[in-house]
Amino acid sequence: MVEKHAFGNFVPQNAKYLILGSFPGRQAVKGNIAIDASYDWFYATKRNQFWPILEAVYGLELSNKLRRQKLFAELGIAMADIIYQCERKKGNNLDTNLTNFIYNTKAIAEILESKQIDKIFFSSRYVEKKFKQIFKEIIIRYPAIEFITLPSPSPRYARMSKDEKIKKYKELLPKIN
């Protein structure tokens, strides 16, 4: 079944940073309908460590979409995924399970054209690899943008403990003013 991205892109007025992920988990989209109401925005599946890591990094409760968006607006962080539409071979959230991609090239190009993005943060090595394969024109057009790969917030990425991921995110992500 073809799935379209459920969240669109988040681009605050003051965006200087862009976090790129792959595609929402199956809990967010089944076709175009949310099937888990608690999964209201990027990375909010129950097992994903992204928001718990950011809660530790910033010392804030980030339990819903509005709080997450408020923090990212304050920090100047935009969010998008590199895949706009795809299919799943099986019913799981592994990136390697995704197939038949339509990439989010137009929206990502528009973000970079309209904002002064200094850094792009990739949510995993998989996203970094796909971005460098598919978005070559963007890389050439914006040579001053720094690329940084964050440790994957997936609990399946077990090379680092959650505490080690928190420490690394603290080092890499922007600070609250």
Protein backbone atom coordinates (compact mmCIF):
# COMPACT_ATOMS: atom_id res chain seq x y z
CA MET A 1 0.00 0.00 0.00
CA VAL A 2 1.27 3.47 -0.90
CA GLU A 3 1.85 5.72 2.11
CA LYS A 4 2.20 9.50 1.95
CA HIS A 5 4.01 11.56 4.54
CA ALA A 6 1.64 12.44 7.38
CA PHE A 7 3.31 15.54 8.83
CA GLY A 8 4.58 17.70 5.97
CA ASN A 9 7.52 19.92 6.86
CA PHE A 10 8.04 22.19 9.84
CA VAL A 11 9.86 25.42 9.02
CA PRO A 12 9.95 28.22 11.59
CA GLN A 13 10.61 31.79 10.42
CA ASN A 14 14.08 31.86 12.01
CA ALA A 15 15.20 28.43 10.73
CA LYS A 16 18.99 28.05 10.67
CA TYR A 17 19.09 24.29 11.11
CA LEU A 18 17.33 21.40 9.41
CA ILE A 19 16.82 17.92 10.82
CA LEU A 20 16.21 15.33 8.13
CA GLY A 21 14.73 11.91 8.83
CA SER A 22 13.62 9.16 6.49
CA PHE A 23 9.83 8.60 6.71
CA PRO A 24 7.20 8.40 9.48
CA GLY A 25 6.58 5.10 11.19
CA ARG A 26 3.65 2.91 10.29
CA GLN A 27 1.84 4.12 13.44
CA ALA A 28 1.51 7.57 11.88
CA VAL A 29 0.27 6.64 8.46
CA LYS A 30 -1.79 3.94 6.91
CA GLY A 31 -2.42 5.48 3.55
CA ASN A 32 -2.91 9.01 4.83
CA ILE A 33 -4.77 8.32 8.10
CA ALA A 34 -3.13 8.37 11.52
CA ILE A 35 -3.67 5.03 13.22
CA ASP A 36 -2.07 5.93 16.55
CA ALA A 37 -3.29 9.26 17.93
CA SER A 38 -0.30 9.55 20.28
CA TYR A 39 1.98 9.67 17.26
CA ASP A 40 1.15 13.27 16.43
CA TRP A 41 4.46 14.44 14.94
CA PHE A 42 7.93 13.38 13.84
CA TYR A 43 9.64 10.58 15.83
CA ALA A 44 6.85 10.13 18.37
CA THR A 45 6.44 6.36 18.16
CA LYS A 46 6.50 4.87 21.64
CA ARG A 47 9.84 3.11 21.11
CA ASN A 48 11.71 5.95 19.37
CA GLN A 49 14.15 7.69 21.71
CA PHE A 50 14.27 11.05 19.88
CA TRP A 51 11.97 13.10 22.13
CA PRO A 52 13.14 11.49 25.40
CA ILE A 53 16.72 12.32 24.31
CA LEU A 54 15.73 15.93 23.58
CA GLU A 55 13.89 16.18 26.91
CA ALA A 56 17.17 15.27 28.62
CA VAL A 57 19.24 17.59 26.41
CA TYR A 58 17.05 20.64 27.00
CA GLY A 59 15.56 19.84 30.43
CA LEU A 60 12.01 20.26 29.12
CA GLU A 61 8.88 18.15 28.94
CA LEU A 62 8.17 17.56 25.25
CA SER A 63 5.08 15.39 25.52
CA ASN A 64 3.08 16.81 22.61
CA LYS A 65 3.35 18.41 19.20
CA LEU A 66 2.85 22.00 20.42
CA ARG A 67 5.68 21.79 22.98
CA ARG A 68 7.99 20.20 20.42
CA GLN A 69 7.19 22.84 17.81
CA LYS A 70 7.67 25.64 20.35
CA LEU A 71 11.15 24.35 21.23
CA PHE A 72 12.13 23.96 17.58
CA ALA A 73 10.80 27.42 16.73
CA GLU A 74 12.88 28.87 19.59
CA LEU A 75 15.98 26.98 18.41
CA GLY A 76 15.44 27.75 14.71
CA ILE A 77 15.20 24.07 13.77
CA ALA A 78 13.21 22.99 10.73
CA MET A 79 12.17 19.37 10.23
CA ALA A 80 11.51 17.32 7.12
CA ASP A 81 11.92 13.79 5.86
CA ILE A 82 13.77 12.85 2.69
CA ILE A 83 10.96 10.53 1.55
CA TYR A 84 7.55 11.96 0.65
CA GLN A 85 5.84 8.74 -0.40
CA CYS A 86 6.72 5.04 -0.34
CA GLU A 87 5.54 1.52 0.34
CA ARG A 88 6.50 -0.95 3.07
CA LYS A 89 7.57 -4.49 2.27
CA LYS A 90 6.60 -5.61 5.80
CA GLY A 91 4.69 -4.08 8.68
CA ASN A 92 7.63 -2.56 10.54
CA ASN A 93 9.42 0.78 10.78
CA LEU A 94 12.87 -0.23 9.54
CA ASP A 95 14.19 2.09 6.84
CA THR A 96 15.39 -0.97 4.93
CA ASN A 97 11.74 -2.06 4.76
CA LEU A 98 10.76 1.00 2.70
CA THR A 99 10.55 0.76 -1.08
CA ASN A 100 9.27 2.60 -4.20
CA PHE A 101 10.32 6.05 -3.00
CA ILE A 102 9.17 9.44 -4.12
CA TYR A 103 11.67 11.79 -2.54
CA ASN A 104 10.82 15.11 -0.87
CA THR A 105 13.24 16.99 -3.14
CA LYS A 106 11.03 19.97 -4.00
CA ALA A 107 10.13 20.76 -0.38
CA ILE A 108 13.71 20.38 0.87
CA ALA A 109 14.97 22.61 -1.95
CA GLU A 110 12.35 25.23 -1.02
CA ILE A 111 13.47 25.18 2.62
CA LEU A 112 17.08 25.74 1.60
CA GLU A 113 16.15 28.47 -0.90
CA SER A 114 13.98 30.40 1.56
CA LYS A 115 16.06 30.05 4.75
CA GLN A 116 19.69 30.54 5.70
CA ILE A 117 20.35 26.95 6.78
CA ASP A 118 23.80 26.58 8.38
CA LYS A 119 23.61 22.90 9.34
CA ILE A 120 21.69 19.84 8.26
CA PHE A 121 21.38 17.14 10.91
CA PHE A 122 20.67 13.62 9.66
CA SER A 123 18.71 11.35 11.99
CA SER A 124 20.81 8.33 10.99
CA ARG A 125 23.59 7.12 8.71
CA TYR A 126 20.91 5.70 6.41
CA VAL A 127 19.40 9.17 5.90
CA GLU A 128 22.86 10.71 5.37
CA LYS A 129 23.71 8.07 2.74
CA LYS A 130 20.40 8.47 0.86
CA PHE A 131 20.64 12.27 0.99
CA LYS A 132 24.14 12.25 -0.49
CA GLN A 133 22.98 9.89 -3.26
CA ILE A 134 19.71 11.59 -4.18
CA PHE A 135 20.20 15.28 -3.31
CA LYS A 136 23.55 15.87 -5.09
CA GLU A 137 22.36 19.09 -6.75
CA ILE A 138 21.46 20.58 -3.37
CA ILE A 139 24.87 19.66 -1.97
CA ILE A 140 26.56 21.40 -4.90
CA ARG A 141 24.26 24.46 -4.70
CA TYR A 142 24.85 25.00 -0.96
CA PRO A 143 28.51 24.14 -0.28
CA ALA A 144 28.64 26.13 2.99
CA ILE A 145 26.05 23.95 4.75
CA GLU A 146 27.61 21.67 7.33
CA PHE A 147 26.34 18.08 7.44
CA ILE A 148 26.13 16.34 10.83
CA THR A 149 24.88 12.82 11.47
CA LEU A 150 23.22 12.28 14.83
CA PRO A 151 23.21 8.87 16.50
CA SER A 152 20.03 7.13 15.42
CA PRO A 153 17.26 7.53 18.00
CA SER A 154 15.98 4.09 17.11
CA PRO A 155 16.18 1.62 20.00
CA ARG A 156 17.53 -0.85 17.42
CA TYR A 157 20.69 1.28 17.23
CA ALA A 158 22.32 -0.28 20.26
CA ARG A 159 25.96 0.64 19.65
CA MET A 160 25.33 3.58 21.94
CA SER A 161 23.31 3.66 25.10
CA LYS A 162 20.57 6.24 25.47
CA ASP A 163 22.83 8.18 27.88
CA GLU A 164 25.62 8.21 25.28
CA LYS A 165 23.17 9.45 22.66
CA ILE A 166 22.05 12.23 25.02
CA LYS A 167 25.66 13.32 25.52
CA LYS A 168 26.30 13.38 21.76
CA TYR A 169 23.08 15.30 20.99
CA LYS A 170 24.06 17.86 23.68
CA GLU A 171 27.38 18.38 21.91
CA LEU A 172 25.89 18.71 18.43
CA LEU A 173 22.52 20.44 18.67
CA PRO A 174 22.04 24.20 19.15
CA LYS A 175 21.68 25.59 22.65
CA ILE A 176 18.67 27.48 23.98
CA ASN A 177 19.40 31.22 24.08
